[in-house]
Amino acid sequence: MQQGAKVAVCGRNAQHLSTLQQEVNHANLLTIQADVSVESDCKAFIDQTVKHFGGLDVLINNAGISMRALFQEVDLDVLRKCMDINFWGTVYCSKFALPHLLKSKGSIAGISSIAGYKGLPCRTGYSASKFAMQGFLEALRIELLHQQVNVLWVSPGFVASNIRNTALNALGNAQKETPLDEKNLMSAEECASHILKAIEKRKRTLVMTAQGKLTVWMNKFFPSFVDQQVYKHFANEPDSPLK
């Protein structure tokens, strides 16, 4: 909004949305209560946004949830929830936004993860949802190649955020703690700045952090070696399910 953008944000928690609206207190911010795992909520979100602002130029699919549990121990509803939010939320919002983006020759961005390039242990549902998201966005990008709608998927690597605190455990409950030292990670503000620049330049992909770029590159040529390194990395996490 500092650059004149009109921004619509959706979320499930009405109180958090109300707090955001009060803190920002700007006419160019619209907050709408919606659950992206619900198709009708996604349609309502897009419809209300277009009605309020008169059009749509950019869709950023940023809603996401993670999980942390061994597959042999996890409740299958945990995987379904990851797919419903991370994958189907992207599909629903993109479906309803696309007619408006075709008019504006705009952009669709999906906030994925390095887990969309490399399967991560104890994150089977999360990795599956991000692989699915990237496959969907890549196919959509090619469909729209000559219709001047850009499609971008972003893999931020580890960013300081609440996603690890809300990650689901084997029973589907939020783990309420993070296994990482969040203060040493990229800030959400820095991450958002990189995403904004990538959207402005209409990039195809954006992989952030040196660790993320190295993982993606090495996995193309040395996948077995990367398997071992990824296992060691996650086995060394505090209270790792791999131990």
Protein backbone atom coordinates (compact mmCIF):
# COMPACT_ATOMS: atom_id res chain seq x y z
CA MET A 1 0.00 0.00 0.00
CA GLN A 2 2.99 2.29 0.42
CA GLN A 3 3.32 2.13 -3.37
CA GLY A 4 -0.39 2.75 -3.97
CA ALA A 5 -1.54 -0.86 -4.13
CA LYS A 6 -5.07 -1.78 -3.12
CA VAL A 7 -4.84 -4.95 -1.04
CA ALA A 8 -7.47 -7.53 -0.11
CA VAL A 9 -6.59 -10.07 2.58
CA CYS A 10 -8.57 -13.09 3.71
CA GLY A 11 -8.21 -15.27 6.77
CA ARG A 12 -10.21 -17.56 9.04
CA ASN A 13 -9.80 -15.57 12.26
CA ALA A 14 -12.16 -12.59 12.34
CA GLN A 15 -10.43 -11.05 15.37
CA HIS A 16 -7.03 -11.10 13.69
CA LEU A 17 -8.51 -9.50 10.58
CA SER A 18 -10.17 -6.80 12.66
CA THR A 19 -6.89 -6.09 14.46
CA LEU A 20 -5.04 -5.84 11.14
CA GLN A 21 -7.66 -3.43 9.76
CA GLN A 22 -7.36 -1.23 12.84
CA GLU A 23 -3.55 -1.27 12.86
CA VAL A 24 -3.21 -0.42 9.18
CA ASN A 25 -6.24 1.89 9.12
CA HIS A 26 -6.03 2.49 5.37
CA ALA A 27 -8.81 2.78 2.80
CA ASN A 28 -6.81 0.60 0.40
CA LEU A 29 -6.96 -2.44 2.71
CA LEU A 30 -9.92 -4.81 2.55
CA THR A 31 -10.14 -7.72 4.99
CA ILE A 32 -12.54 -10.61 4.40
CA GLN A 33 -13.16 -13.65 6.57
CA ALA A 34 -12.70 -16.78 4.45
CA ASP A 35 -11.30 -20.30 4.65
CA VAL A 36 -9.39 -21.10 1.45
CA SER A 37 -10.06 -24.81 1.87
CA VAL A 38 -13.74 -24.03 1.22
CA GLU A 39 -14.56 -23.43 -2.45
CA SER A 40 -17.49 -21.09 -1.79
CA ASP A 41 -15.37 -18.95 0.58
CA CYS A 42 -12.76 -18.52 -2.15
CA LYS A 43 -15.38 -17.45 -4.67
CA ALA A 44 -16.87 -14.98 -2.19
CA PHE A 45 -13.41 -13.57 -1.43
CA ILE A 46 -12.62 -12.94 -5.09
CA ASP A 47 -16.11 -11.61 -5.86
CA GLN A 48 -16.07 -9.16 -2.94
CA THR A 49 -12.57 -7.99 -3.82
CA VAL A 50 -13.50 -7.26 -7.43
CA LYS A 51 -16.73 -5.56 -6.37
CA HIS A 52 -14.91 -3.39 -3.83
CA PHE A 53 -11.90 -2.37 -5.92
CA GLY A 54 -13.34 -2.72 -9.43
CA GLY A 55 -10.87 -5.31 -10.72
CA LEU A 56 -7.98 -7.60 -9.96
CA ASP A 57 -4.35 -7.40 -11.06
CA VAL A 58 -2.46 -9.86 -8.85
CA LEU A 59 -3.45 -12.97 -6.92
CA ILE A 60 -1.00 -14.19 -4.26
CA ASN A 61 -1.79 -17.66 -2.96
CA ASN A 62 -0.10 -17.40 0.42
CA ALA A 63 -2.31 -19.43 2.77
CA GLY A 64 -0.52 -22.49 4.06
CA ILE A 65 -0.23 -25.05 6.82
CA SER A 66 2.57 -27.49 7.63
CA MET A 67 2.85 -30.77 9.53
CA ARG A 68 5.54 -32.69 11.42
CA ALA A 69 5.09 -36.40 12.01
CA LEU A 70 6.21 -39.74 10.65
CA PHE A 71 3.90 -41.01 7.91
CA GLN A 72 3.49 -44.35 9.70
CA GLU A 73 2.13 -42.51 12.74
CA VAL A 74 0.17 -39.61 11.23
CA ASP A 75 -3.60 -39.45 10.99
CA LEU A 76 -4.57 -39.25 7.31
CA ASP A 77 -6.79 -36.24 8.03
CA VAL A 78 -3.56 -34.27 8.60
CA LEU A 79 -2.49 -34.93 5.01
CA ARG A 80 -5.97 -34.07 3.74
CA LYS A 81 -5.89 -30.76 5.59
CA CYS A 82 -2.50 -29.89 4.05
CA MET A 83 -3.85 -30.65 0.59
CA ASP A 84 -7.12 -28.79 1.20
CA ILE A 85 -5.39 -25.59 2.29
CA ASN A 86 -2.10 -25.58 0.39
CA PHE A 87 -3.20 -27.14 -2.91
CA TRP A 88 -6.97 -26.77 -3.21
CA GLY A 89 -6.89 -23.25 -1.75
CA THR A 90 -4.56 -22.27 -4.59
CA VAL A 91 -6.73 -24.00 -7.17
CA TYR A 92 -9.99 -22.46 -5.93
CA CYS A 93 -8.70 -18.89 -5.71
CA SER A 94 -6.90 -19.15 -9.06
CA LYS A 95 -10.04 -20.50 -10.73
CA PHE A 96 -12.25 -17.62 -9.60
CA ALA A 97 -9.57 -14.94 -10.09
CA LEU A 98 -8.54 -16.01 -13.59
CA PRO A 99 -11.36 -14.32 -15.58
CA HIS A 100 -10.43 -10.99 -13.98
CA LEU A 101 -6.69 -11.53 -14.44
CA LEU A 102 -7.22 -12.28 -18.14
CA LYS A 103 -8.85 -8.86 -18.45
CA SER A 104 -6.04 -7.08 -16.59
CA LYS A 105 -3.22 -9.25 -18.02
CA GLY A 106 -2.16 -9.73 -14.44
CA SER A 107 -0.27 -12.28 -12.39
CA ILE A 108 -0.84 -15.35 -10.23
CA ALA A 109 1.76 -16.14 -7.58
CA GLY A 110 1.90 -19.25 -5.42
CA ILE A 111 3.99 -19.29 -2.25
CA SER A 112 5.43 -22.79 -2.30
CA SER A 113 8.53 -24.12 -0.55
CA ILE A 114 11.78 -25.96 -1.09
CA ALA A 115 9.55 -28.87 0.00
CA GLY A 116 7.95 -28.50 -3.45
CA TYR A 117 11.29 -29.44 -5.03
CA LYS A 118 12.56 -31.93 -2.47
CA GLY A 119 10.47 -34.24 -0.31
CA LEU A 120 11.15 -33.60 3.36
CA PRO A 121 10.95 -36.33 6.04
CA CYS A 122 8.15 -35.96 8.58
CA ARG A 123 6.51 -33.49 6.19
CA THR A 124 4.93 -35.94 3.74
CA GLY A 125 1.62 -34.09 3.58
CA TYR A 126 3.30 -30.69 3.34
CA SER A 127 5.72 -31.79 0.62
CA ALA A 128 2.93 -33.49 -1.33
CA SER A 129 0.80 -30.36 -1.25
CA LYS A 130 3.68 -28.16 -2.43
CA PHE A 131 4.67 -30.54 -5.24
CA ALA A 132 1.01 -30.51 -6.30
CA MET A 133 0.84 -26.72 -6.11
CA GLN A 134 3.94 -26.32 -8.27
CA GLY A 135 2.72 -28.86 -10.82
CA PHE A 136 -0.62 -27.07 -11.05
CA LEU A 137 0.97 -23.64 -11.42
CA GLU A 138 3.47 -24.83 -14.02
CA ALA A 139 0.71 -26.41 -16.12
CA LEU A 140 -1.39 -23.24 -15.75
CA ARG A 141 1.56 -21.07 -16.73
CA ILE A 142 1.97 -22.99 -19.97
CA GLU A 143 -1.78 -22.79 -20.71
CA LEU A 144 -1.61 -19.01 -20.30
CA LEU A 145 1.71 -18.57 -22.09
CA HIS A 146 0.18 -16.53 -24.92
CA GLN A 147 -2.58 -14.83 -22.96
CA GLN A 148 -0.32 -12.41 -21.05
CA VAL A 149 -1.14 -13.69 -17.57
CA ASN A 150 2.05 -14.47 -15.69
CA VAL A 151 2.28 -17.39 -13.26
CA LEU A 152 5.02 -17.49 -10.63
CA TRP A 153 5.81 -19.96 -7.86
CA VAL A 154 8.04 -18.94 -4.98
CA SER A 155 10.15 -21.17 -2.73
CA PRO A 156 11.24 -19.05 0.22
CA GLY A 157 13.27 -21.59 2.24
CA PHE A 158 13.12 -21.06 6.01
CA VAL A 159 11.46 -17.74 6.89
CA ALA A 160 10.63 -16.45 10.37
CA SER A 161 6.88 -16.99 10.59
CA ASN A 162 4.17 -18.70 12.60
CA ILE A 163 3.88 -21.70 10.26
CA ARG A 164 6.05 -24.00 12.38
CA ASN A 165 4.14 -23.16 15.57
CA THR A 166 0.85 -24.05 13.88
CA ALA A 167 2.26 -27.13 12.11
CA LEU A 168 0.10 -30.18 12.78
CA ASN A 169 1.39 -33.13 14.76
CA ALA A 170 0.48 -36.79 14.15
CA LEU A 171 -2.97 -36.32 15.70
CA GLY A 172 -3.75 -33.09 13.84
CA ASN A 173 -3.11 -30.70 16.72
CA ALA A 174 -0.90 -27.62 16.42
CA GLN A 175 2.57 -28.40 17.77
CA LYS A 176 2.73 -24.87 19.30
CA GLU A 177 6.50 -24.65 19.09
CA THR A 178 9.16 -24.27 16.45
CA PRO A 179 12.20 -26.53 16.09
CA LEU A 180 14.20 -23.66 14.57
CA ASP A 181 15.80 -20.50 15.93
CA GLU A 182 13.44 -18.05 14.24
CA LYS A 183 15.57 -14.98 14.93
CA ASN A 184 18.29 -16.29 12.60
CA LEU A 185 15.91 -16.78 9.67
CA MET A 186 14.92 -14.42 6.87
CA SER A 187 12.25 -12.01 8.05
CA ALA A 188 8.75 -12.08 6.60
CA GLU A 189 9.22 -8.48 5.48
CA GLU A 190 12.37 -9.30 3.51
CA CYS A 191 10.68 -12.33 1.99
CA ALA A 192 7.68 -10.21 0.92
CA SER A 193 10.00 -7.67 -0.70
CA HIS A 194 11.64 -10.40 -2.83
CA ILE A 195 8.22 -11.72 -3.85
CA LEU A 196 6.99 -8.26 -4.84
CA LYS A 197 10.03 -7.69 -7.06
CA ALA A 198 9.57 -11.10 -8.71
CA ILE A 199 5.91 -10.30 -9.45
CA GLU A 200 6.86 -6.90 -10.90
CA LYS A 201 9.46 -8.56 -13.16
CA ARG A 202 6.95 -11.29 -14.09
CA LYS A 203 9.40 -14.05 -13.23
CA ARG A 204 8.68 -17.74 -13.68
CA THR A 205 10.17 -18.98 -10.40
CA LEU A 206 11.90 -17.56 -7.36
CA VAL A 207 14.02 -19.71 -5.05
CA MET A 208 15.31 -17.84 -2.00
CA THR A 209 18.25 -18.38 0.34
CA ALA A 210 21.60 -19.89 -0.54
CA GLN A 211 20.63 -23.14 1.18
CA GLY A 212 17.44 -23.38 -0.86
CA LYS A 213 19.17 -22.68 -4.18
CA LEU A 214 21.92 -25.19 -3.40
CA THR A 215 19.37 -27.85 -2.44
CA VAL A 216 17.40 -27.43 -5.67
CA TRP A 217 20.54 -27.44 -7.83
CA MET A 218 22.21 -30.41 -6.13
CA ASN A 219 19.02 -32.44 -6.15
CA LYS A 220 19.04 -32.35 -9.95
CA PHE A 221 22.46 -33.97 -10.17
CA PHE A 222 23.10 -35.73 -6.85
CA PRO A 223 19.67 -36.78 -5.51
CA SER A 224 20.92 -39.71 -3.40
CA PHE A 225 23.51 -37.53 -1.69
CA VAL A 226 20.88 -34.87 -1.00
CA ASP A 227 18.58 -37.56 0.44
CA GLN A 228 21.24 -38.35 3.06
CA GLN A 229 21.91 -34.69 3.85
CA VAL A 230 18.22 -33.87 4.21
CA TYR A 231 17.75 -36.85 6.54
CA LYS A 232 20.68 -35.72 8.72
CA HIS A 233 19.39 -32.14 8.82
CA PHE A 234 15.91 -33.09 10.03
CA ALA A 235 17.15 -35.86 12.32
CA ASN A 236 19.14 -33.20 14.17
CA GLU A 237 16.10 -31.04 14.87
CA PRO A 238 15.02 -30.76 18.52
CA ASP A 239 12.59 -33.59 19.31
CA SER A 240 12.84 -34.89 15.75
CA PRO A 241 10.37 -37.72 14.97
CA LEU A 242 13.26 -39.39 13.12
CA LYS A 243 15.14 -40.05 16.37
